[in-house]
Every structure is written in C-alpha cells, then in structure tokens.
C-alpha atoms as a PDB file:
ATOM      1  CA  MET A   1     -94.069 -39.639  15.597  1.00  0.00           C
ATOM      2  CA  LYS A   2     -94.205 -41.975  12.789  1.00  0.00           C
ATOM      3  CA  SER A   3     -93.704 -40.897   9.186  1.00  0.00           C
ATOM      4  CA  VAL A   4     -94.702 -41.675   6.022  1.00  0.00           C
ATOM      5  CA  LEU A   5     -93.963 -40.929   2.364  1.00  0.00           C
ATOM      6  CA  ILE A   6     -96.899 -41.484  -0.308  1.00  0.00           C
ATOM      7  CA  THR A   7     -96.410 -40.676  -3.869  1.00  0.00           C
ATOM      8  CA  GLY A   8     -99.240 -39.487  -6.202  1.00  0.00           C
ATOM      9  CA  VAL A   9    -101.705 -38.241  -3.603  1.00  0.00           C
ATOM     10  CA  SER A  10    -103.416 -35.725  -5.710  1.00  0.00           C
ATOM     11  CA  SER A  11    -106.279 -38.188  -5.880  1.00  0.00           C
ATOM     12  CA  GLY A  12    -107.553 -41.518  -5.729  1.00  0.00           C
ATOM     13  CA  ILE A  13    -105.852 -44.136  -3.418  1.00  0.00           C
ATOM     14  CA  GLY A  14    -102.852 -41.475  -2.924  1.00  0.00           C
ATOM     15  CA  PHE A  15    -105.036 -39.184  -1.733  1.00  0.00           C
ATOM     16  CA  ALA A  16    -107.248 -41.842   0.422  1.00  0.00           C
ATOM     17  CA  SER A  17    -103.948 -42.920   2.224  1.00  0.00           C
ATOM     18  CA  ALA A  18    -103.025 -39.496   3.145  1.00  0.00           C
ATOM     19  CA  ARG A  19    -106.044 -38.634   4.861  1.00  0.00           C
ATOM     20  CA  TYR A  20    -106.083 -42.089   6.583  1.00  0.00           C
ATOM     21  CA  PHE A  21    -102.385 -41.845   7.735  1.00  0.00           C
ATOM     22  CA  LEU A  22    -103.047 -38.349   8.992  1.00  0.00           C
ATOM     23  CA  GLU A  23    -106.189 -39.698  11.109  1.00  0.00           C
ATOM     24  CA  GLN A  24    -104.005 -42.116  12.445  1.00  0.00           C
ATOM     25  CA  GLY A  25    -101.364 -39.789  13.721  1.00  0.00           C
ATOM     26  CA  TYR A  26     -98.722 -39.813  11.125  1.00  0.00           C
ATOM     27  CA  GLN A  27     -96.326 -37.226   9.625  1.00  0.00           C
ATOM     28  CA  VAL A  28     -97.271 -37.500   6.027  1.00  0.00           C
ATOM     29  CA  PHE A  29     -95.209 -36.337   3.024  1.00  0.00           C
ATOM     30  CA  GLY A  30     -97.210 -36.592  -0.180  1.00  0.00           C
ATOM     31  CA  SER A  31     -95.837 -35.947  -3.735  1.00  0.00           C
ATOM     32  CA  VAL A  32     -97.400 -34.196  -6.611  1.00  0.00           C
ATOM     33  CA  ARG A  33     -96.640 -33.062 -10.027  1.00  0.00           C
ATOM     34  CA  LYS A  34     -98.500 -29.965 -10.053  1.00  0.00           C
ATOM     35  CA  SER A  35     -97.991 -26.831  -7.800  1.00  0.00           C
ATOM     36  CA  LYS A  36    -101.829 -26.353  -7.786  1.00  0.00           C
ATOM     37  CA  ASP A  37    -102.371 -29.692  -6.195  1.00  0.00           C
ATOM     38  CA  ALA A  38     -99.801 -28.967  -3.600  1.00  0.00           C
ATOM     39  CA  ILE A  39    -101.576 -25.622  -2.492  1.00  0.00           C
ATOM     40  CA  ARG A  40    -105.021 -27.477  -2.905  1.00  0.00           C
ATOM     41  CA  LEU A  41    -103.879 -30.522  -0.548  1.00  0.00           C
ATOM     42  CA  GLU A  42    -102.120 -27.823   1.997  1.00  0.00           C
ATOM     43  CA  ASN A  43    -105.071 -26.698   2.781  1.00  0.00           C
ATOM     44  CA  GLU A  44    -107.097 -29.466   2.920  1.00  0.00           C
ATOM     45  CA  PHE A  45    -104.770 -31.313   5.144  1.00  0.00           C
ATOM     46  CA  LYS A  46    -103.070 -28.416   7.027  1.00  0.00           C
ATOM     47  CA  ASP A  47    -101.216 -29.767  10.147  1.00  0.00           C
ATOM     48  CA  ARG A  48     -98.564 -32.920   9.732  1.00  0.00           C
ATOM     49  CA  PHE A  49     -98.806 -33.032   6.064  1.00  0.00           C
ATOM     50  CA  THR A  50     -96.203 -31.742   3.644  1.00  0.00           C
ATOM     51  CA  THR A  51     -96.503 -31.955  -0.159  1.00  0.00           C
ATOM     52  CA  ILE A  52     -93.545 -32.307  -2.238  1.00  0.00           C
ATOM     53  CA  VAL A  53     -93.569 -31.333  -5.796  1.00  0.00           C
ATOM     54  CA  PHE A  54     -91.688 -33.959  -7.906  1.00  0.00           C
ATOM     55  CA  ASP A  55     -91.816 -35.983 -10.886  1.00  0.00           C
ATOM     56  CA  ILE A  56     -90.789 -39.628 -10.046  1.00  0.00           C
ATOM     57  CA  THR A  57     -89.453 -40.272 -13.395  1.00  0.00           C
ATOM     58  CA  ASP A  58     -86.655 -37.209 -12.969  1.00  0.00           C
ATOM     59  CA  ARG A  59     -84.010 -38.654 -11.050  1.00  0.00           C
ATOM     60  CA  GLU A  60     -82.721 -35.285 -10.263  1.00  0.00           C
ATOM     61  CA  SER A  61     -85.997 -33.928  -9.392  1.00  0.00           C
ATOM     62  CA  VAL A  62     -86.675 -37.089  -6.678  1.00  0.00           C
ATOM     63  CA  GLU A  63     -83.123 -36.039  -4.950  1.00  0.00           C
ATOM     64  CA  LYS A  64     -84.265 -32.803  -4.234  1.00  0.00           C
ATOM     65  CA  ALA A  65     -87.405 -34.201  -2.794  1.00  0.00           C
ATOM     66  CA  PHE A  66     -84.856 -36.697  -0.767  1.00  0.00           C
ATOM     67  CA  SER A  67     -83.224 -33.287   0.472  1.00  0.00           C
ATOM     68  CA  GLN A  68     -86.233 -31.565   1.480  1.00  0.00           C
ATOM     69  CA  ILE A  69     -87.697 -34.419   3.133  1.00  0.00           C
ATOM     70  CA  ALA A  70     -84.607 -35.143   5.247  1.00  0.00           C
ATOM     71  CA  ALA A  71     -84.453 -31.839   6.412  1.00  0.00           C
ATOM     72  CA  HIS A  72     -88.015 -32.489   7.687  1.00  0.00           C
ATOM     73  CA  LEU A  73     -87.047 -35.689   9.618  1.00  0.00           C
ATOM     74  CA  ASN A  74     -84.012 -33.963  10.764  1.00  0.00           C
ATOM     75  CA  GLY A  75     -81.795 -36.767  11.554  1.00  0.00           C
ATOM     76  CA  LYS A  76     -84.432 -39.292  11.928  1.00  0.00           C
ATOM     77  CA  GLY A  77     -85.149 -42.124   9.499  1.00  0.00           C
ATOM     78  CA  LEU A  78     -88.417 -42.670   7.165  1.00  0.00           C
ATOM     79  CA  ASP A  79     -90.841 -45.148   8.579  1.00  0.00           C
ATOM     80  CA  VAL A  80     -92.582 -46.310   5.299  1.00  0.00           C
ATOM     81  CA  LEU A  81     -92.374 -45.614   1.504  1.00  0.00           C
ATOM     82  CA  VAL A  82     -95.686 -46.010  -0.252  1.00  0.00           C
ATOM     83  CA  ASN A  83     -94.854 -45.871  -4.059  1.00  0.00           C
ATOM     84  CA  ASN A  84     -98.529 -45.184  -5.357  1.00  0.00           C
ATOM     85  CA  ALA A  85     -97.724 -42.425  -8.342  1.00  0.00           C
ATOM     86  CA  GLY A  86     -98.454 -44.392 -11.689  1.00  0.00           C
ATOM     87  CA  ILE A  87    -100.587 -44.147 -14.947  1.00  0.00           C
ATOM     88  CA  SER A  88    -102.853 -46.737 -16.881  1.00  0.00           C
ATOM     89  CA  GLY A  89    -103.838 -46.499 -20.517  1.00  0.00           C
ATOM     90  CA  SER A  90    -105.450 -49.112 -23.226  1.00  0.00           C
ATOM     91  CA  ALA A  91    -104.925 -49.893 -26.499  1.00  0.00           C
ATOM     92  CA  PRO A  92    -104.642 -53.214 -28.457  1.00  0.00           C
ATOM     93  CA  MET A  93    -101.085 -54.557 -28.552  1.00  0.00           C
ATOM     94  CA  ALA A  94    -101.352 -54.507 -32.207  1.00  0.00           C
ATOM     95  CA  TYR A  95    -101.586 -50.576 -32.606  1.00  0.00           C
ATOM     96  CA  ILE A  96    -100.213 -49.381 -29.314  1.00  0.00           C
ATOM     97  CA  ASP A  97     -97.836 -46.378 -29.841  1.00  0.00           C
ATOM     98  CA  ILE A  98     -94.703 -47.506 -28.484  1.00  0.00           C
ATOM     99  CA  LYS A  99     -94.137 -44.193 -26.790  1.00  0.00           C
ATOM    100  CA  ASP A 100     -97.420 -44.629 -24.852  1.00  0.00           C
ATOM    101  CA  PHE A 101     -96.080 -48.367 -23.773  1.00  0.00           C
ATOM    102  CA  GLU A 102     -92.727 -46.743 -23.175  1.00  0.00           C
ATOM    103  CA  LYS A 103     -94.163 -43.950 -20.918  1.00  0.00           C
ATOM    104  CA  GLN A 104     -96.495 -46.735 -18.904  1.00  0.00           C
ATOM    105  CA  LEU A 105     -93.060 -48.655 -18.254  1.00  0.00           C
ATOM    106  CA  ASN A 106     -91.006 -45.395 -17.499  1.00  0.00           C
ATOM    107  CA  VAL A 107     -93.573 -44.170 -14.779  1.00  0.00           C
ATOM    108  CA  ASN A 108     -94.922 -47.329 -13.393  1.00  0.00           C
ATOM    109  CA  VAL A 109     -91.431 -49.486 -13.039  1.00  0.00           C
ATOM    110  CA  LEU A 110     -88.428 -47.066 -13.623  1.00  0.00           C
ATOM    111  CA  GLY A 111     -90.287 -44.074 -11.510  1.00  0.00           C
ATOM    112  CA  VAL A 112     -90.683 -46.541  -8.982  1.00  0.00           C
ATOM    113  CA  LEU A 113     -87.419 -47.624  -8.685  1.00  0.00           C
ATOM    114  CA  ASN A 114     -86.072 -44.300  -8.641  1.00  0.00           C
ATOM    115  CA  VAL A 115     -87.788 -43.311  -5.800  1.00  0.00           C
ATOM    116  CA  ILE A 116     -86.911 -46.306  -3.989  1.00  0.00           C
ATOM    117  CA  GLN A 117     -82.816 -45.993  -4.253  1.00  0.00           C
ATOM    118  CA  VAL A 118     -83.010 -42.524  -3.638  1.00  0.00           C
ATOM    119  CA  PHE A 119     -84.751 -42.847  -0.383  1.00  0.00           C
ATOM    120  CA  LEU A 120     -83.084 -46.451   0.569  1.00  0.00           C
ATOM    121  CA  PRO A 121     -80.815 -44.412   3.001  1.00  0.00           C
ATOM    122  CA  LEU A 122     -83.712 -42.877   4.933  1.00  0.00           C
ATOM    123  CA  LEU A 123     -85.183 -46.290   5.203  1.00  0.00           C
ATOM    124  CA  GLY A 124     -81.872 -47.389   6.971  1.00  0.00           C
ATOM    125  CA  PHE A 125     -80.233 -49.127   4.454  1.00  0.00           C
ATOM    126  CA  ALA A 126     -76.647 -49.695   4.545  1.00  0.00           C
ATOM    127  CA  ASN A 127     -76.717 -47.514   7.916  1.00  0.00           C
ATOM    128  CA  LYS A 128     -77.890 -47.830  11.727  1.00  0.00           C
ATOM    129  CA  LYS A 129     -80.742 -46.100  11.472  1.00  0.00           C
ATOM    130  CA  ALA A 130     -84.401 -47.475  12.399  1.00  0.00           C
ATOM    131  CA  LYS A 131     -85.595 -49.377   9.479  1.00  0.00           C
ATOM    132  CA  GLY A 132     -88.232 -48.544   7.810  1.00  0.00           C
ATOM    133  CA  GLN A 133     -90.650 -50.471   5.097  1.00  0.00           C
ATOM    134  CA  ILE A 134     -91.253 -50.193   1.574  1.00  0.00           C
ATOM    135  CA  ILE A 135     -95.267 -50.904   0.236  1.00  0.00           C
ATOM    136  CA  ASN A 136     -95.728 -51.051  -3.534  1.00  0.00           C
ATOM    137  CA  ILE A 137     -99.034 -50.278  -4.971  1.00  0.00           C
ATOM    138  CA  SER A 138     -99.425 -52.680  -7.867  1.00  0.00           C
ATOM    139  CA  SER A 139    -102.907 -54.011  -9.191  1.00  0.00           C
ATOM    140  CA  GLY A 140    -104.961 -56.994  -9.955  1.00  0.00           C
ATOM    141  CA  ALA A 141    -103.516 -56.458 -13.457  1.00  0.00           C
ATOM    142  CA  GLY A 142    -100.466 -57.350 -12.508  1.00  0.00           C
ATOM    143  CA  ARG A 143    -101.554 -60.647 -11.598  1.00  0.00           C
ATOM    144  CA  VAL A 144    -104.190 -61.427 -14.870  1.00  0.00           C
ATOM    145  CA  THR A 145    -104.203 -59.210 -17.786  1.00  0.00           C
ATOM    146  CA  ARG A 146    -107.211 -58.057 -19.603  1.00  0.00           C
ATOM    147  CA  PRO A 147    -107.289 -57.464 -23.259  1.00  0.00           C
ATOM    148  CA  PHE A 148    -106.697 -54.171 -24.365  1.00  0.00           C
ATOM    149  CA  MET A 149    -104.799 -53.692 -20.997  1.00  0.00           C
ATOM    150  CA  GLY A 150    -101.695 -54.985 -21.997  1.00  0.00           C
ATOM    151  CA  SER A 151     -99.170 -52.174 -21.445  1.00  0.00           C
ATOM    152  CA  TYR A 152    -100.900 -51.386 -17.998  1.00  0.00           C
ATOM    153  CA  SER A 153    -100.465 -55.237 -16.976  1.00  0.00           C
ATOM    154  CA  ALA A 154     -97.219 -55.448 -18.367  1.00  0.00           C
ATOM    155  CA  SER A 155     -95.809 -52.454 -16.514  1.00  0.00           C
ATOM    156  CA  LYS A 156     -97.737 -53.773 -13.089  1.00  0.00           C
ATOM    157  CA  HIS A 157     -96.155 -57.334 -13.880  1.00  0.00           C
ATOM    158  CA  ALA A 158     -92.727 -55.789 -13.601  1.00  0.00           C
ATOM    159  CA  LEU A 159     -93.413 -54.071 -10.480  1.00  0.00           C
ATOM    160  CA  GLU A 160     -94.439 -57.363  -8.892  1.00  0.00           C
ATOM    161  CA  ALA A 161     -91.045 -59.016 -10.004  1.00  0.00           C
ATOM    162  CA  MET A 162     -89.036 -56.018  -9.155  1.00  0.00           C
ATOM    163  CA  SER A 163     -90.847 -56.208  -5.777  1.00  0.00           C
ATOM    164  CA  ASP A 164     -89.784 -59.708  -5.246  1.00  0.00           C
ATOM    165  CA  ALA A 165     -86.219 -59.183  -6.118  1.00  0.00           C
ATOM    166  CA  LEU A 166     -86.343 -56.179  -3.786  1.00  0.00           C
ATOM    167  CA  ARG A 167     -87.873 -58.053  -1.196  1.00  0.00           C
ATOM    168  CA  ARG A 168     -85.332 -60.647  -1.085  1.00  0.00           C
ATOM    169  CA  GLU A 169     -82.406 -58.328  -1.477  1.00  0.00           C
ATOM    170  CA  LEU A 170     -83.359 -56.453   1.738  1.00  0.00           C
ATOM    171  CA  ILE A 171     -83.890 -59.394   4.006  1.00  0.00           C
ATOM    172  CA  SER A 172     -80.595 -58.660   5.485  1.00  0.00           C
ATOM    173  CA  GLU A 173     -81.090 -55.081   5.728  1.00  0.00           C
ATOM    174  CA  ARG A 174     -84.440 -55.856   7.552  1.00  0.00           C
ATOM    175  CA  ILE A 175     -86.511 -53.501   5.465  1.00  0.00           C
ATOM    176  CA  ARG A 176     -89.658 -55.279   4.393  1.00  0.00           C
ATOM    177  CA  VAL A 177     -91.043 -54.935   0.714  1.00  0.00           C
ATOM    178  CA  THR A 178     -94.689 -55.460   0.688  1.00  0.00           C
ATOM    179  CA  VAL A 179     -96.976 -55.222  -2.611  1.00  0.00           C
ATOM    180  CA  VAL A 180    -100.594 -54.292  -2.384  1.00  0.00           C
ATOM    181  CA  GLU A 181    -102.729 -54.993  -5.190  1.00  0.00           C
ATOM    182  CA  PRO A 182    -105.857 -53.262  -5.657  1.00  0.00           C
ATOM    183  CA  GLY A 183    -108.507 -54.349  -8.247  1.00  0.00           C
ATOM    184  CA  PRO A 184    -111.098 -51.463  -9.433  1.00  0.00           C
ATOM    185  CA  ILE A 185    -111.627 -48.557  -7.249  1.00  0.00           C
ATOM    186  CA  LYS A 186    -113.664 -45.498  -7.551  1.00  0.00           C
ATOM    187  CA  SER A 187    -111.687 -42.851  -8.542  1.00  0.00           C
ATOM    188  CA  GLU A 188    -111.577 -40.440 -11.778  1.00  0.00           C
ATOM    189  CA  ILE A 189    -109.749 -42.933 -13.468  1.00  0.00           C
ATOM    190  CA  TRP A 190    -112.941 -43.744 -14.991  1.00  0.00           C
ATOM    191  CA  SER A 191    -113.755 -40.523 -16.678  1.00  0.00           C
ATOM    192  CA  LYS A 192    -110.373 -40.159 -17.477  1.00  0.00           C
ATOM    193  CA  ALA A 193    -110.271 -43.635 -19.310  1.00  0.00           C
ATOM    194  CA  ARG A 194    -114.078 -42.612 -21.268  1.00  0.00           C
ATOM    195  CA  ASN A 195    -112.455 -39.043 -22.014  1.00  0.00           C
ATOM    196  CA  GLY A 196    -109.061 -40.666 -23.142  1.00  0.00           C
ATOM    197  CA  GLY A 197    -111.040 -43.449 -25.833  1.00  0.00           C
ATOM    198  CA  ASP A 198    -110.667 -42.600 -29.246  1.00  0.00           C
ATOM    199  CA  PRO A 199    -113.066 -45.336 -31.011  1.00  0.00           C
ATOM    200  CA  GLU A 200    -112.150 -43.386 -34.516  1.00  0.00           C
ATOM    201  CA  LYS A 201    -108.673 -44.672 -34.319  1.00  0.00           C
ATOM    202  CA  TYR A 202    -109.822 -48.145 -34.695  1.00  0.00           C
ATOM    203  CA  VAL A 203    -112.060 -47.809 -37.640  1.00  0.00           C
ATOM    204  CA  ASN A 204    -111.544 -50.365 -40.485  1.00  0.00           C
ATOM    205  CA  THR A 205    -109.608 -52.624 -37.761  1.00  0.00           C
ATOM    206  CA  PRO A 206    -110.439 -55.665 -36.138  1.00  0.00           C
ATOM    207  CA  TYR A 207    -111.320 -53.943 -33.175  1.00  0.00           C
ATOM    208  CA  GLU A 208    -113.500 -51.263 -34.719  1.00  0.00           C
ATOM    209  CA  ASN A 209    -116.872 -52.627 -32.605  1.00  0.00           C
ATOM    210  CA  ILE A 210    -115.259 -53.231 -29.561  1.00  0.00           C
ATOM    211  CA  TYR A 211    -113.708 -49.883 -29.347  1.00  0.00           C
ATOM    212  CA  LYS A 212    -117.724 -48.113 -30.286  1.00  0.00           C
ATOM    213  CA  LYS A 213    -118.860 -49.909 -27.215  1.00  0.00           C
ATOM    214  CA  MET A 214    -115.670 -49.752 -24.694  1.00  0.00           C
ATOM    215  CA  ASP A 215    -117.830 -47.356 -22.352  1.00  0.00           C
ATOM    216  CA  LYS A 216    -119.885 -50.159 -21.544  1.00  0.00           C
ATOM    217  CA  VAL A 217    -117.156 -52.375 -20.177  1.00  0.00           C
ATOM    218  CA  ILE A 218    -115.752 -49.447 -18.302  1.00  0.00           C
ATOM    219  CA  ASP A 219    -119.550 -48.501 -16.753  1.00  0.00           C
ATOM    220  CA  SER A 220    -119.539 -52.413 -15.680  1.00  0.00           C
ATOM    221  CA  MET A 221    -116.171 -52.172 -14.102  1.00  0.00           C
ATOM    222  CA  GLU A 222    -116.958 -48.899 -12.385  1.00  0.00           C
ATOM    223  CA  SER A 223    -120.131 -49.975 -10.806  1.00  0.00           C
ATOM    224  CA  ASN A 224    -118.425 -53.100  -9.020  1.00  0.00           C
ATOM    225  CA  ALA A 225    -115.349 -50.637  -7.654  1.00  0.00           C
ATOM    226  CA  LEU A 226    -114.058 -50.243  -4.326  1.00  0.00           C
ATOM    227  CA  ALA A 227    -113.728 -47.081  -2.154  1.00  0.00           C
ATOM    228  CA  ALA A 228    -110.189 -45.945  -2.523  1.00  0.00           C
ATOM    229  CA  GLU A 229    -110.407 -45.975   1.649  1.00  0.00           C
ATOM    230  CA  GLU A 230    -110.474 -49.708   1.588  1.00  0.00           C
ATOM    231  CA  VAL A 231    -107.014 -49.904  -0.005  1.00  0.00           C
ATOM    232  CA  ALA A 232    -105.805 -47.011   2.305  1.00  0.00           C
ATOM    233  CA  LYS A 233    -106.826 -49.267   5.487  1.00  0.00           C
ATOM    234  CA  VAL A 234    -105.138 -52.142   4.326  1.00  0.00           C
ATOM    235  CA  ILE A 235    -102.029 -49.974   3.208  1.00  0.00           C
ATOM    236  CA  TYR A 236    -101.893 -48.802   6.786  1.00  0.00           C
ATOM    237  CA  GLN A 237    -102.322 -52.292   8.395  1.00  0.00           C
ATOM    238  CA  VAL A 238     -99.328 -53.359   6.635  1.00  0.00           C
ATOM    239  CA  ALA A 239     -97.567 -50.054   7.602  1.00  0.00           C
ATOM    240  CA  GLU A 240     -98.175 -51.106  11.328  1.00  0.00           C
ATOM    241  CA  GLY A 241     -97.313 -54.820  10.839  1.00  0.00           C
ATOM    242  CA  LYS A 242    -100.709 -56.142  11.182  1.00  0.00           C
ATOM    243  CA  ARG A 243    -100.421 -57.670   7.779  1.00  0.00           C
ATOM    244  CA  ARG A 244     -96.962 -59.535   6.990  1.00  0.00           C
ATOM    245  CA  ASN A 245     -97.756 -61.306   3.867  1.00  0.00           C
ATOM    246  CA  THR A 246     -95.717 -60.230   0.861  1.00  0.00           C
ATOM    247  CA  ARG A 247     -98.853 -59.064  -0.841  1.00  0.00           C
ATOM    248  CA  TYR A 248    -102.458 -58.276  -0.515  1.00  0.00           C
ATOM    249  CA  LEU A 249    -105.445 -58.443  -3.145  1.00  0.00           C
ATOM    250  CA  VAL A 250    -107.676 -55.722  -2.447  1.00  0.00           C
ATOM    251  CA  ALA A 251    -110.758 -56.159  -5.144  1.00  0.00           C
ATOM    252  CA  PRO A 252    -114.503 -56.366  -5.351  1.00  0.00           C
ATOM    253  CA  LYS A 253    -115.503 -59.976  -6.057  1.00  0.00           C
ATOM    254  CA  LYS A 254    -111.967 -60.885  -4.713  1.00  0.00           C
ATOM    255  CA  TRP A 255    -112.425 -64.902  -4.966  1.00  0.00           C
ATOM    256  CA  MET A 256    -112.926 -64.553  -8.662  1.00  0.00           C
ATOM    257  CA  PHE A 257    -109.691 -63.018  -8.903  1.00  0.00           C
ATOM    258  CA  TRP A 258    -107.752 -65.430  -6.817  1.00  0.00           C
ATOM    259  CA  LEU A 259    -109.539 -68.369  -8.949  1.00  0.00           C
ATOM    260  CA  ALA A 260    -108.170 -66.607 -11.943  1.00  0.00           C
ATOM    261  CA  ILE A 261    -104.677 -66.097 -10.516  1.00  0.00           C
ATOM    262  CA  HIS A 262    -104.141 -69.532  -9.039  1.00  0.00           C
ATOM    263  CA  LEU A 263    -106.604 -71.923 -10.627  1.00  0.00           C
ATOM    264  CA  PHE A 264    -107.954 -71.132 -13.725  1.00  0.00           C
ATOM    265  CA  PRO A 265    -105.737 -72.418 -16.553  1.00  0.00           C
ATOM    266  CA  ASP A 266    -105.015 -69.724 -19.228  1.00  0.00           C
ATOM    267  CA  LYS A 267    -107.286 -71.091 -22.060  1.00  0.00           C
ATOM    268  CA  LEU A 268    -110.084 -70.867 -19.455  1.00  0.00           C
ATOM    269  CA  LEU A 269    -109.137 -67.290 -19.219  1.00  0.00           C
ATOM    270  CA  ASP A 270    -109.052 -67.345 -22.770  1.00  0.00           C
ATOM    271  CA  ARG A 271    -112.431 -68.352 -23.252  1.00  0.00           C
ATOM    272  CA  LEU A 272    -113.954 -66.069 -20.605  1.00  0.00           C
ATOM    273  CA  PHE A 273    -112.605 -62.789 -22.119  1.00  0.00           C
ATOM    274  CA  GLU A 274    -113.564 -63.794 -25.818  1.00  0.00           C
ATOM    275  CA  LYS A 275    -116.991 -64.343 -24.503  1.00  0.00           C
ATOM    276  CA  GLN A 276    -117.308 -60.970 -22.596  1.00  0.00           C
ATOM    277  CA  PHE A 277    -116.483 -59.085 -25.632  1.00  0.00           C
ATOM    278  CA  VAL A 278    -118.566 -61.548 -28.038  1.00  0.00           C
ATOM    279  CA  ARG A 279    -121.835 -60.155 -25.749  1.00  0.00           C
ATOM    280  CA  LEU A 280    -120.328 -56.758 -26.053  1.00  0.00           C
ATOM    281  CA  VAL A 281    -120.308 -56.330 -29.487  1.00  0.00           C
ATOM    282  CA  ARG A 282    -123.486 -58.035 -30.119  1.00  0.00           C
ATOM    283  CA  GLY A 283    -125.302 -56.372 -27.611  1.00  0.00           C
END
C-alpha cells in the first residue's frame, strides 16, 4: 500500500486531496493544527487515515510528527509528501504590517522547508530506501502578482524558487519535486477574506475607495473558482507518475494565466490591473 503525507487537511485542497487519495487506496497521513479537526477527520475518513497534529513552523513539532509517522510505516518509506498547508492575506505594500508579512513567509516558505528537511529521510534521501517524491502546492499567484496580494505572492514566488532548487539538488537522489499551482479554488478562504477585510484601516489613504468595494473583487473571483477536487486529481496524477512535468497550473481560464505568465509584458499587465480597479471604484 502506498503512503502519502498531506499537510493542512482540515479544509480546501488538503481535505479534497486526503479524500481522493483514500479513494485510490493510499494510506493517508494528514496534518492539522487543532485537535478538534483531528477528531472530526478521524471520524469522517476512518480506515487508512491518520491525523497528526503539528504546526509546520515549529521544528520540534514537525520532528515529533516524523517519529509518529515513521512508527506507523514500521521501516517502510513514505511514497509522497504533499506540502499543502499555507495561509493567505491581502494588504497594500505601503501599509502591510511587517509581522503579517513575516507570518506569510514563515508559514508558506520556511514551514514547508521545515517539513521537507525533517521528512527527507523517509523519502529515501541519503539512504537505500525506495524513493518518494515531493509535491509543493504553490499558486497561480506564484507566477503573476495581483495588486494587494503582494505578501502572498512573494511567499509563493519564494516557494517556486525553493522548489526549483530542491528539484535540481535531488536529481542524484532520484527524488522528484513537482509544483502544483492552483488558481482560485472553491473553499472557505473566500469567507475568510471577506471577514478579514478592514476597509476602515485604509480610510484617508489612496486605497480607501478600493477597499470599500473589495468584496466585489472577491465575489468575482469566487464565482469563477474551481472545485478543490480538480486540484486533488492533478496531485494524485503527479503522485502516480501520470504527469511528469515540473509544474502544473490548475485554474479557471487557464489560457489567460498562461498568457499572463509567458507572453504579456509587465506594462500590459499593469494597465489591465489598473483598469480593473478603476472600474471597481467607479462601479
């Protein structure tokens, strides 16, 4: 039986991926930060699923999780590591709290590296065990940066670069590293974005009128969002070796993302984003 560790399985892509891998016969280890989520998931998924409570930013916590999973595997290696856990946030670069920016980097970049470094031995690094693979969940925002999403995009750009380095450094170890880049996905992140917004924070700033109507942008993005299961399927196909490219974009209107990444010059993207927010303020 193949095994996978998926971080951040309490909701969204992580939850959908855990369920999909279970349906395909995998032994699934899923990380959560809260014990109540662990109990809920254990009751829902039951057989072949084990929740491990740990914080990816806490090295000691990750090392404890390693020991638990290694004990479960009983001498066998881990086939797949899916680094899905992450956070997002929105704020203008001119006003973002440095601590909020730091938290994004700590979770989305250093937390992922924590997990990779600790779990590499179970993936066959520097030993003769069967070789596993790493799948890092980045974002379309790791390739194209929207206004007011700079901190999130910065963290995902960093994850993309880190993944490239790992992929090249692990070639000789025969451990594959793949990046999956979801676009907007249907999840509770949208309600969190609405509840987390604070238009009052930007009163008497150049962004006051934009933030008063930011919910319209969120509504538009949510209406075009893909089901998390679509991403889960791609992750599984990568895990099974059915997709062997270095990165996969999974997004609605994928052709627009492709054009923005590969063809559109920066100044054209600048004008497109400017027009979008001008229409927002006037609408």
